[in-house]
Structure formats: structure tokens, C-alpha cells
Amino acid sequence: MRNILFILVCGVLVTSSGDRHSTLSPASATELAPVTAKNQKKNPAQEKVSQFMQAKLDSSKQVLEGMMTEDFQQIQKGAQKLIDMSNATQWQVVEGPVFAQQSAEFRNAAKELQDYAKKKNIDGVSLSYLHLTMTCIACHKQIKKTAVVMR
């Protein structure tokens, strides 16, 4: 287990193997990185889901950019895209009551975000965006659990 300890300190990867220590530059560390979902071949269905999730992330970034510049129109547009996406069939990655509840919570957070943007309330927008992000994280955790159980 101690041979697998990796510590990232100030952009330099330090590996520990018993009494030996070595450092790797970030560039050489990426060469040793395990194969991730990004560099594995995906089937067409996985690719569609990945593209959809990337679009969702882009809309979320649009909201964040609007928050940073206090562009409430941009926040409203990004929130509306997220609401529309959450109603799309591609959104239904997993079926069931847990996922349906998480989707509803996401939509509610996006609508709340949009409402605060209409009121030009940056504090409300910020808290709603945080809530929206937390719903994404919770759902992704649940989907990962579901994927592990299905294997």
C-alpha cells in the first residue's frame, strides 16, 4: 500500500516507495497516470451521454461567468438551458424514483437560480448556484454507485 502513495505538492508529484523518494515533473506524472474515462474508447451511447453532459457543463459555466460579471441576462439564459436539458430524454441516464427526485431537485434549483437572476439578487443567485452544483455532485455519486452495483 505504501508503494501507491502519491502526494501532489506545489505542482510536483512525489512518490513514496518504502525508504526511497523520487519526484516527477507534472509532465512525466501524466505519462504515469492511470487510464481514465477520457482516454478510453466509448461506445456511441456513452459518447452521446458525454456530449450531453459536456453541454450541461458549458451551460453551468455560462451561469458562473454571468455571476462573475453580474450579467443577470446571461445567468437567466444559462439557467434556462439547464432547465430545458433536464427535461430532455438524454437526461434520463438512469430510471427510478431516486434519479427522478434528483432531477426534480436540479430543476427546482435551476428555476430558483433563474428567479433570483430576474430579481438581480446576486446573493440569491450564488446560493442557488451552489445548491444546483450540489445536486449535480449528489446525482453523479449516485450514478457511480449504481454503475458499480450493476457490474
N, C-alpha and C. Protein backbone atom coordinates (compact mmCIF):
# COMPACT_ATOMS: atom_id res chain seq x y z
N MET A 1 0.82 -1.19 0.00
CA MET A 1 0.00 0.00 0.00
C MET A 1 0.87 1.25 0.00
N ARG A 2 1.98 1.23 0.72
CA ARG A 2 2.82 2.42 0.78
C ARG A 2 3.49 2.71 -0.55
N ASN A 3 3.55 1.74 -1.45
CA ASN A 3 4.14 1.97 -2.77
C ASN A 3 3.20 2.76 -3.66
N ILE A 4 1.95 2.90 -3.27
CA ILE A 4 0.97 3.56 -4.10
C ILE A 4 0.68 4.98 -3.63
N LEU A 5 1.33 5.43 -2.60
CA LEU A 5 1.07 6.75 -2.04
C LEU A 5 1.59 7.83 -2.96
N PHE A 6 0.70 8.68 -3.38
CA PHE A 6 1.07 9.80 -4.24
C PHE A 6 0.66 11.09 -3.54
N ILE A 7 1.55 12.03 -3.49
CA ILE A 7 1.24 13.32 -2.88
C ILE A 7 1.59 14.40 -3.88
N LEU A 8 0.64 15.26 -4.17
CA LEU A 8 0.86 16.36 -5.09
C LEU A 8 1.14 17.60 -4.27
N VAL A 9 2.38 18.10 -4.36
CA VAL A 9 2.78 19.26 -3.58
C VAL A 9 3.37 20.30 -4.52
N CYS A 10 2.78 21.47 -4.54
CA CYS A 10 3.28 22.58 -5.34
C CYS A 10 3.52 22.19 -6.79
N GLY A 11 2.65 21.40 -7.36
CA GLY A 11 2.75 21.05 -8.77
C GLY A 11 3.77 19.97 -9.07
N VAL A 12 4.38 19.35 -8.08
CA VAL A 12 5.35 18.29 -8.30
C VAL A 12 4.82 17.03 -7.65
N LEU A 13 4.83 15.94 -8.40
CA LEU A 13 4.34 14.68 -7.86
C LEU A 13 5.48 14.01 -7.11
N VAL A 14 5.23 13.65 -5.86
CA VAL A 14 6.21 12.97 -5.03
C VAL A 14 5.68 11.58 -4.77
N THR A 15 6.48 10.55 -5.08
CA THR A 15 6.04 9.19 -4.82
C THR A 15 6.86 8.62 -3.69
N SER A 16 6.23 7.78 -2.92
CA SER A 16 6.90 7.15 -1.79
C SER A 16 6.90 5.65 -1.98
N SER A 17 8.07 5.04 -1.88
CA SER A 17 8.19 3.59 -2.01
C SER A 17 9.12 3.11 -0.91
N GLY A 18 8.56 2.86 0.25
CA GLY A 18 9.40 2.46 1.38
C GLY A 18 10.31 3.59 1.78
N ASP A 19 11.63 3.36 1.72
CA ASP A 19 12.61 4.37 2.11
C ASP A 19 13.02 5.25 0.94
N ARG A 20 12.63 4.90 -0.28
CA ARG A 20 13.04 5.68 -1.44
C ARG A 20 11.99 6.76 -1.75
N HIS A 21 12.44 7.93 -2.13
CA HIS A 21 11.55 9.00 -2.55
C HIS A 21 12.05 9.50 -3.90
N SER A 22 11.15 9.80 -4.79
CA SER A 22 11.53 10.39 -6.06
C SER A 22 10.49 11.42 -6.43
N THR A 23 10.88 12.38 -7.24
CA THR A 23 9.94 13.39 -7.69
C THR A 23 9.82 13.31 -9.20
N LEU A 24 8.66 13.63 -9.69
CA LEU A 24 8.39 13.65 -11.11
C LEU A 24 7.82 15.00 -11.47
N SER A 25 8.17 15.48 -12.63
CA SER A 25 7.56 16.72 -13.08
C SER A 25 6.10 16.44 -13.41
N PRO A 26 5.27 17.47 -13.42
CA PRO A 26 3.87 17.24 -13.78
C PRO A 26 3.73 16.58 -15.15
N ALA A 27 4.60 16.93 -16.10
CA ALA A 27 4.52 16.34 -17.44
C ALA A 27 4.79 14.85 -17.40
N SER A 28 5.83 14.42 -16.68
CA SER A 28 6.11 12.99 -16.63
C SER A 28 5.10 12.26 -15.75
N ALA A 29 4.50 12.97 -14.82
CA ALA A 29 3.48 12.35 -13.97
C ALA A 29 2.26 11.98 -14.79
N THR A 30 1.93 12.81 -15.79
CA THR A 30 0.76 12.49 -16.60
C THR A 30 1.00 11.25 -17.44
N GLU A 31 2.25 10.97 -17.78
CA GLU A 31 2.56 9.76 -18.53
C GLU A 31 2.26 8.52 -17.70
N LEU A 32 2.37 8.62 -16.37
CA LEU A 32 2.14 7.50 -15.49
C LEU A 32 0.69 7.42 -15.02
N ALA A 33 -0.10 8.41 -15.38
CA ALA A 33 -1.49 8.45 -14.90
C ALA A 33 -2.25 7.22 -15.39
N PRO A 34 -3.13 6.70 -14.55
CA PRO A 34 -3.92 5.55 -14.97
C PRO A 34 -4.85 5.92 -16.11
N VAL A 35 -5.28 4.94 -16.83
CA VAL A 35 -6.22 5.17 -17.92
C VAL A 35 -7.52 5.69 -17.31
N THR A 36 -8.00 6.78 -17.85
CA THR A 36 -9.23 7.37 -17.34
C THR A 36 -10.33 7.26 -18.37
N ALA A 37 -11.51 7.63 -17.97
CA ALA A 37 -12.66 7.57 -18.87
C ALA A 37 -12.44 8.46 -20.09
N LYS A 38 -11.67 9.55 -19.94
CA LYS A 38 -11.45 10.46 -21.05
C LYS A 38 -10.63 9.82 -22.17
N ASN A 39 -9.67 8.95 -21.82
CA ASN A 39 -8.82 8.41 -22.87
C ASN A 39 -9.16 6.96 -23.23
N GLN A 40 -10.30 6.47 -22.80
CA GLN A 40 -10.77 5.16 -23.20
C GLN A 40 -11.76 5.32 -24.34
N LYS A 41 -11.84 4.31 -25.20
CA LYS A 41 -12.84 4.31 -26.27
C LYS A 41 -14.22 4.20 -25.66
N LYS A 42 -15.17 4.96 -26.21
CA LYS A 42 -16.54 4.93 -25.71
C LYS A 42 -17.44 4.38 -26.82
N ASN A 43 -18.47 3.68 -26.39
CA ASN A 43 -19.44 3.25 -27.38
C ASN A 43 -20.30 4.46 -27.75
N PRO A 44 -21.07 4.37 -28.86
CA PRO A 44 -21.86 5.53 -29.29
C PRO A 44 -22.83 6.06 -28.23
N ALA A 45 -23.44 5.17 -27.46
CA ALA A 45 -24.37 5.63 -26.42
C ALA A 45 -23.63 6.42 -25.34
N GLN A 46 -22.45 5.93 -24.93
CA GLN A 46 -21.65 6.65 -23.93
C GLN A 46 -21.20 8.00 -24.48
N GLU A 47 -20.86 8.01 -25.77
CA GLU A 47 -20.40 9.26 -26.38
C GLU A 47 -21.52 10.30 -26.39
N LYS A 48 -22.75 9.88 -26.67
CA LYS A 48 -23.89 10.82 -26.66
C LYS A 48 -24.11 11.38 -25.26
N VAL A 49 -24.02 10.52 -24.25
CA VAL A 49 -24.19 10.98 -22.87
C VAL A 49 -23.07 11.96 -22.51
N SER A 50 -21.84 11.64 -22.92
CA SER A 50 -20.70 12.52 -22.63
C SER A 50 -20.89 13.89 -23.28
N GLN A 51 -21.36 13.91 -24.51
CA GLN A 51 -21.59 15.18 -25.20
C GLN A 51 -22.70 15.97 -24.52
N PHE A 52 -23.74 15.27 -24.09
CA PHE A 52 -24.84 15.93 -23.40
C PHE A 52 -24.36 16.53 -22.07
N MET A 53 -23.58 15.76 -21.33
CA MET A 53 -23.07 16.25 -20.04
C MET A 53 -22.10 17.41 -20.24
N GLN A 54 -21.34 17.38 -21.34
CA GLN A 54 -20.44 18.50 -21.64
C GLN A 54 -21.25 19.76 -21.92
N ALA A 55 -22.35 19.61 -22.65
CA ALA A 55 -23.23 20.76 -22.91
C ALA A 55 -23.82 21.29 -21.61
N LYS A 56 -24.17 20.38 -20.70
CA LYS A 56 -24.69 20.79 -19.39
C LYS A 56 -23.62 21.57 -18.63
N LEU A 57 -22.41 21.08 -18.68
CA LEU A 57 -21.30 21.77 -18.02
C LEU A 57 -21.06 23.14 -18.64
N ASP A 58 -21.16 23.24 -19.96
CA ASP A 58 -20.99 24.52 -20.63
C ASP A 58 -22.05 25.53 -20.18
N SER A 59 -23.28 25.06 -20.03
CA SER A 59 -24.35 25.95 -19.56
C SER A 59 -24.09 26.39 -18.12
N SER A 60 -23.58 25.48 -17.32
CA SER A 60 -23.23 25.81 -15.94
C SER A 60 -22.11 26.86 -15.91
N LYS A 61 -21.15 26.72 -16.81
CA LYS A 61 -20.07 27.70 -16.90
C LYS A 61 -20.60 29.06 -17.34
N GLN A 62 -21.61 29.04 -18.22
CA GLN A 62 -22.24 30.29 -18.65
C GLN A 62 -22.86 31.01 -17.45
N VAL A 63 -23.51 30.24 -16.58
CA VAL A 63 -24.10 30.82 -15.38
C VAL A 63 -22.99 31.40 -14.49
N LEU A 64 -21.94 30.63 -14.28
CA LEU A 64 -20.83 31.09 -13.43
C LEU A 64 -20.20 32.37 -13.99
N GLU A 65 -19.99 32.41 -15.29
CA GLU A 65 -19.43 33.62 -15.91
C GLU A 65 -20.36 34.81 -15.69
N GLY A 66 -21.66 34.57 -15.84
CA GLY A 66 -22.63 35.64 -15.60
C GLY A 66 -22.58 36.12 -14.16
N MET A 67 -22.36 35.19 -13.24
CA MET A 67 -22.25 35.58 -11.83
C MET A 67 -21.04 36.46 -11.60
N MET A 68 -19.93 36.11 -12.23
CA MET A 68 -18.69 36.86 -12.02
C MET A 68 -18.78 38.27 -12.57
N THR A 69 -19.56 38.44 -13.64
CA THR A 69 -19.69 39.75 -14.27
C THR A 69 -21.01 40.44 -13.90
N GLU A 70 -21.81 39.78 -13.06
CA GLU A 70 -23.14 40.25 -12.68
C GLU A 70 -23.98 40.55 -13.92
N ASP A 71 -23.88 39.65 -14.89
CA ASP A 71 -24.69 39.72 -16.10
C ASP A 71 -25.89 38.81 -15.87
N PHE A 72 -26.96 39.38 -15.35
CA PHE A 72 -28.12 38.60 -14.95
C PHE A 72 -28.86 37.99 -16.14
N GLN A 73 -28.76 38.64 -17.29
CA GLN A 73 -29.35 38.08 -18.51
C GLN A 73 -28.63 36.78 -18.88
N GLN A 74 -27.33 36.77 -18.80
CA GLN A 74 -26.55 35.57 -19.10
C GLN A 74 -26.86 34.45 -18.10
N ILE A 75 -27.01 34.81 -16.85
CA ILE A 75 -27.37 33.83 -15.82
C ILE A 75 -28.72 33.20 -16.16
N GLN A 76 -29.69 34.04 -16.52
CA GLN A 76 -31.03 33.53 -16.86
C GLN A 76 -30.98 32.60 -18.07
N LYS A 77 -30.19 32.96 -19.08
CA LYS A 77 -30.09 32.12 -20.28
C LYS A 77 -29.45 30.77 -19.94
N GLY A 78 -28.38 30.80 -19.15
CA GLY A 78 -27.72 29.54 -18.75
C GLY A 78 -28.64 28.67 -17.92
N ALA A 79 -29.37 29.29 -17.01
CA ALA A 79 -30.31 28.55 -16.17
C ALA A 79 -31.42 27.94 -17.01
N GLN A 80 -31.91 28.69 -18.00
CA GLN A 80 -32.96 28.17 -18.87
C GLN A 80 -32.47 26.97 -19.68
N LYS A 81 -31.24 27.04 -20.15
CA LYS A 81 -30.66 25.90 -20.88
C LYS A 81 -30.60 24.67 -19.97
N LEU A 82 -30.21 24.88 -18.73
CA LEU A 82 -30.14 23.76 -17.78
C LEU A 82 -31.53 23.18 -17.52
N ILE A 83 -32.53 24.02 -17.40
CA ILE A 83 -33.89 23.55 -17.19
C ILE A 83 -34.36 22.75 -18.41
N ASP A 84 -34.11 23.31 -19.59
CA ASP A 84 -34.52 22.62 -20.82
C ASP A 84 -33.81 21.26 -20.94
N MET A 85 -32.53 21.24 -20.62
CA MET A 85 -31.78 19.98 -20.71
C MET A 85 -32.31 18.96 -19.72
N SER A 86 -32.70 19.41 -18.55
CA SER A 86 -33.18 18.47 -17.53
C SER A 86 -34.51 17.84 -17.90
N ASN A 87 -35.18 18.42 -18.88
CA ASN A 87 -36.43 17.85 -19.38
C ASN A 87 -36.23 17.00 -20.63
N ALA A 88 -35.02 16.96 -21.16
CA ALA A 88 -34.73 16.21 -22.38
C ALA A 88 -34.62 14.72 -22.10
N THR A 89 -34.88 13.92 -23.11
CA THR A 89 -34.81 12.47 -22.94
C THR A 89 -33.37 12.01 -22.68
N GLN A 90 -32.37 12.71 -23.21
CA GLN A 90 -30.97 12.34 -22.96
C GLN A 90 -30.60 12.46 -21.49
N TRP A 91 -31.38 13.25 -20.75
CA TRP A 91 -31.13 13.44 -19.32
C TRP A 91 -31.37 12.15 -18.55
N GLN A 92 -32.28 11.33 -19.05
CA GLN A 92 -32.70 10.12 -18.34
C GLN A 92 -31.66 9.01 -18.48
N VAL A 93 -30.52 9.18 -17.84
CA VAL A 93 -29.45 8.20 -17.89
C VAL A 93 -29.83 6.96 -17.08
N VAL A 94 -30.44 7.18 -15.94
CA VAL A 94 -30.88 6.10 -15.05
C VAL A 94 -32.34 6.36 -14.70
N GLU A 95 -33.13 5.32 -14.68
CA GLU A 95 -34.53 5.48 -14.30
C GLU A 95 -34.74 5.05 -12.87
N GLY A 96 -35.78 5.55 -12.26
CA GLY A 96 -36.12 5.16 -10.91
C GLY A 96 -36.47 6.36 -10.06
N PRO A 97 -37.04 6.10 -8.90
CA PRO A 97 -37.50 7.19 -8.04
C PRO A 97 -36.38 8.08 -7.50
N VAL A 98 -35.23 7.50 -7.21
CA VAL A 98 -34.12 8.30 -6.67
C VAL A 98 -33.64 9.29 -7.72
N PHE A 99 -33.45 8.79 -8.93
CA PHE A 99 -32.99 9.66 -10.01
C PHE A 99 -34.06 10.70 -10.35
N ALA A 100 -35.31 10.32 -10.34
CA ALA A 100 -36.40 11.27 -10.62
C ALA A 100 -36.42 12.38 -9.58
N GLN A 101 -36.20 12.03 -8.32
CA GLN A 101 -36.15 13.03 -7.25
C GLN A 101 -34.96 13.97 -7.43
N GLN A 102 -33.81 13.41 -7.80
CA GLN A 102 -32.62 14.24 -8.01
C GLN A 102 -32.83 15.19 -9.20
N SER A 103 -33.47 14.69 -10.25
CA SER A 103 -33.75 15.53 -11.41
C SER A 103 -34.69 16.67 -11.04
N ALA A 104 -35.71 16.37 -10.25
CA ALA A 104 -36.65 17.40 -9.81
C ALA A 104 -35.95 18.44 -8.95
N GLU A 105 -35.06 17.99 -8.08
CA GLU A 105 -34.32 18.93 -7.24
C GLU A 105 -33.40 19.82 -8.08
N PHE A 106 -32.78 19.23 -9.10
CA PHE A 106 -31.94 20.00 -10.01
C PHE A 106 -32.77 21.08 -10.71
N ARG A 107 -33.92 20.69 -11.26
CA ARG A 107 -34.79 21.63 -11.95
C ARG A 107 -35.24 22.76 -11.02
N ASN A 108 -35.61 22.40 -9.80
CA ASN A 108 -36.03 23.41 -8.83
C ASN A 108 -34.90 24.39 -8.52
N ALA A 109 -33.69 23.88 -8.36
CA ALA A 109 -32.55 24.75 -8.09
C ALA A 109 -32.28 25.67 -9.28
N ALA A 110 -32.40 25.14 -10.49
CA ALA A 110 -32.18 25.95 -11.70
C ALA A 110 -33.26 27.02 -11.83
N LYS A 111 -34.51 26.68 -11.51
CA LYS A 111 -35.60 27.66 -11.57
C LYS A 111 -35.40 28.75 -10.50
N GLU A 112 -34.96 28.33 -9.33
CA GLU A 112 -34.68 29.29 -8.25
C GLU A 112 -33.55 30.23 -8.69
N LEU A 113 -32.54 29.67 -9.31
CA LEU A 113 -31.42 30.46 -9.83
C LEU A 113 -31.93 31.49 -10.83
N GLN A 114 -32.78 31.04 -11.72
CA GLN A 114 -33.34 31.93 -12.73
C GLN A 114 -34.19 33.04 -12.09
N ASP A 115 -34.98 32.68 -11.09
CA ASP A 115 -35.81 33.67 -10.40
C ASP A 115 -34.96 34.74 -9.72
N TYR A 116 -33.89 34.32 -9.05
CA TYR A 116 -33.02 35.31 -8.40
C TYR A 116 -32.31 36.18 -9.43
N ALA A 117 -31.98 35.61 -10.58
CA ALA A 117 -31.34 36.40 -11.63
C ALA A 117 -32.31 37.46 -12.15
N LYS A 118 -33.59 37.11 -12.28
CA LYS A 118 -34.60 38.08 -12.72
C LYS A 118 -34.71 39.23 -11.73
N LYS A 119 -34.54 38.91 -10.44
CA LYS A 119 -34.61 39.93 -9.39
C LYS A 119 -33.29 40.68 -9.21
N LYS A 120 -32.25 40.25 -9.98
CA LYS A 120 -30.89 40.83 -9.89
C LYS A 120 -30.34 40.72 -8.46
N ASN A 121 -30.60 39.57 -7.85
CA ASN A 121 -30.15 39.30 -6.48
C ASN A 121 -28.94 38.36 -6.55
N ILE A 122 -27.75 38.93 -6.51
CA ILE A 122 -26.53 38.14 -6.69
C ILE A 122 -26.30 37.16 -5.54
N ASP A 123 -26.71 37.51 -4.34
CA ASP A 123 -26.56 36.59 -3.21
C ASP A 123 -27.48 35.37 -3.39
N GLY A 124 -28.71 35.63 -3.79
CA GLY A 124 -29.63 34.53 -4.05
C GLY A 124 -29.15 33.66 -5.20
N VAL A 125 -28.63 34.30 -6.25
CA VAL A 125 -28.07 33.57 -7.39
C VAL A 125 -26.93 32.67 -6.92
N SER A 126 -26.04 33.24 -6.11
CA SER A 126 -24.87 32.49 -5.63
C SER A 126 -25.28 31.26 -4.83
N LEU A 127 -26.21 31.44 -3.92
CA LEU A 127 -26.66 30.31 -3.11
C LEU A 127 -27.40 29.27 -3.95
N SER A 128 -28.18 29.73 -4.91
CA SER A 128 -28.89 28.80 -5.79
C SER A 128 -27.92 28.02 -6.67
N TYR A 129 -26.88 28.70 -7.13
CA TYR A 129 -25.87 28.03 -7.95
C TYR A 129 -25.14 26.96 -7.14
N LEU A 130 -24.86 27.28 -5.90
CA LEU A 130 -24.23 26.29 -5.01
C LEU A 130 -25.15 25.09 -4.83
N HIS A 131 -26.42 25.34 -4.59
CA HIS A 131 -27.40 24.25 -4.45
C HIS A 131 -27.47 23.42 -5.73
N LEU A 132 -27.50 24.10 -6.86
CA LEU A 132 -27.54 23.42 -8.15
C LEU A 132 -26.32 22.51 -8.32
N THR A 133 -25.16 23.02 -7.99
CA THR A 133 -23.92 22.25 -8.11
C THR A 133 -23.94 21.05 -7.17
N MET A 134 -24.45 21.23 -5.97
CA MET A 134 -24.52 20.12 -5.02
C MET A 134 -25.47 19.02 -5.52
N THR A 135 -26.55 19.41 -6.23
CA THR A 135 -27.44 18.39 -6.78
C THR A 135 -26.72 17.58 -7.86
N CYS A 136 -25.89 18.25 -8.64
CA CYS A 136 -25.10 17.54 -9.68
C CYS A 136 -24.16 16.53 -9.03
N ILE A 137 -23.46 16.98 -8.02
CA ILE A 137 -22.48 16.11 -7.35
C ILE A 137 -23.19 14.91 -6.73
N ALA A 138 -24.30 15.14 -6.05
CA ALA A 138 -25.03 14.04 -5.42
C ALA A 138 -25.52 13.04 -6.45
N CYS A 139 -26.01 13.54 -7.57
CA CYS A 139 -26.51 12.65 -8.61
C CYS A 139 -25.38 11.82 -9.22
N HIS A 140 -24.26 12.47 -9.51
CA HIS A 140 -23.13 11.75 -10.09
C HIS A 140 -22.60 10.69 -9.14
N LYS A 141 -22.60 10.98 -7.85
CA LYS A 141 -22.21 9.97 -6.87
C LYS A 141 -23.16 8.79 -6.91
N GLN A 142 -24.45 9.07 -6.99
CA GLN A 142 -25.46 8.01 -7.04
C GLN A 142 -25.32 7.17 -8.29
N ILE A 143 -25.07 7.81 -9.42
CA ILE A 143 -24.91 7.08 -10.67
C ILE A 143 -23.68 6.19 -10.62
N LYS A 144 -22.61 6.68 -10.02
CA LYS A 144 -21.41 5.84 -9.89
C LYS A 144 -21.69 4.62 -9.01
N LYS A 145 -22.43 4.81 -7.94
CA LYS A 145 -22.81 3.68 -7.08
C LYS A 145 -23.65 2.68 -7.86
N THR A 146 -24.60 3.20 -8.63
CA THR A 146 -25.46 2.34 -9.43
C THR A 146 -24.65 1.56 -10.46
N ALA A 147 -23.69 2.22 -11.08
CA ALA A 147 -22.85 1.56 -12.09
C ALA A 147 -22.03 0.45 -11.47
N VAL A 148 -21.53 0.66 -10.26
CA VAL A 148 -20.73 -0.35 -9.57
C VAL A 148 -21.60 -1.56 -9.23
N VAL A 149 -22.81 -1.31 -8.76
CA VAL A 149 -23.72 -2.39 -8.39
C VAL A 149 -24.13 -3.19 -9.63
N MET A 150 -24.28 -2.51 -10.77
CA MET A 150 -24.73 -3.18 -12.00
C MET A 150 -23.64 -4.04 -12.63
N ARG A 151 -22.39 -3.84 -12.27
CA ARG A 151 -21.29 -4.61 -12.86
C ARG A 151 -21.28 -6.00 -12.40
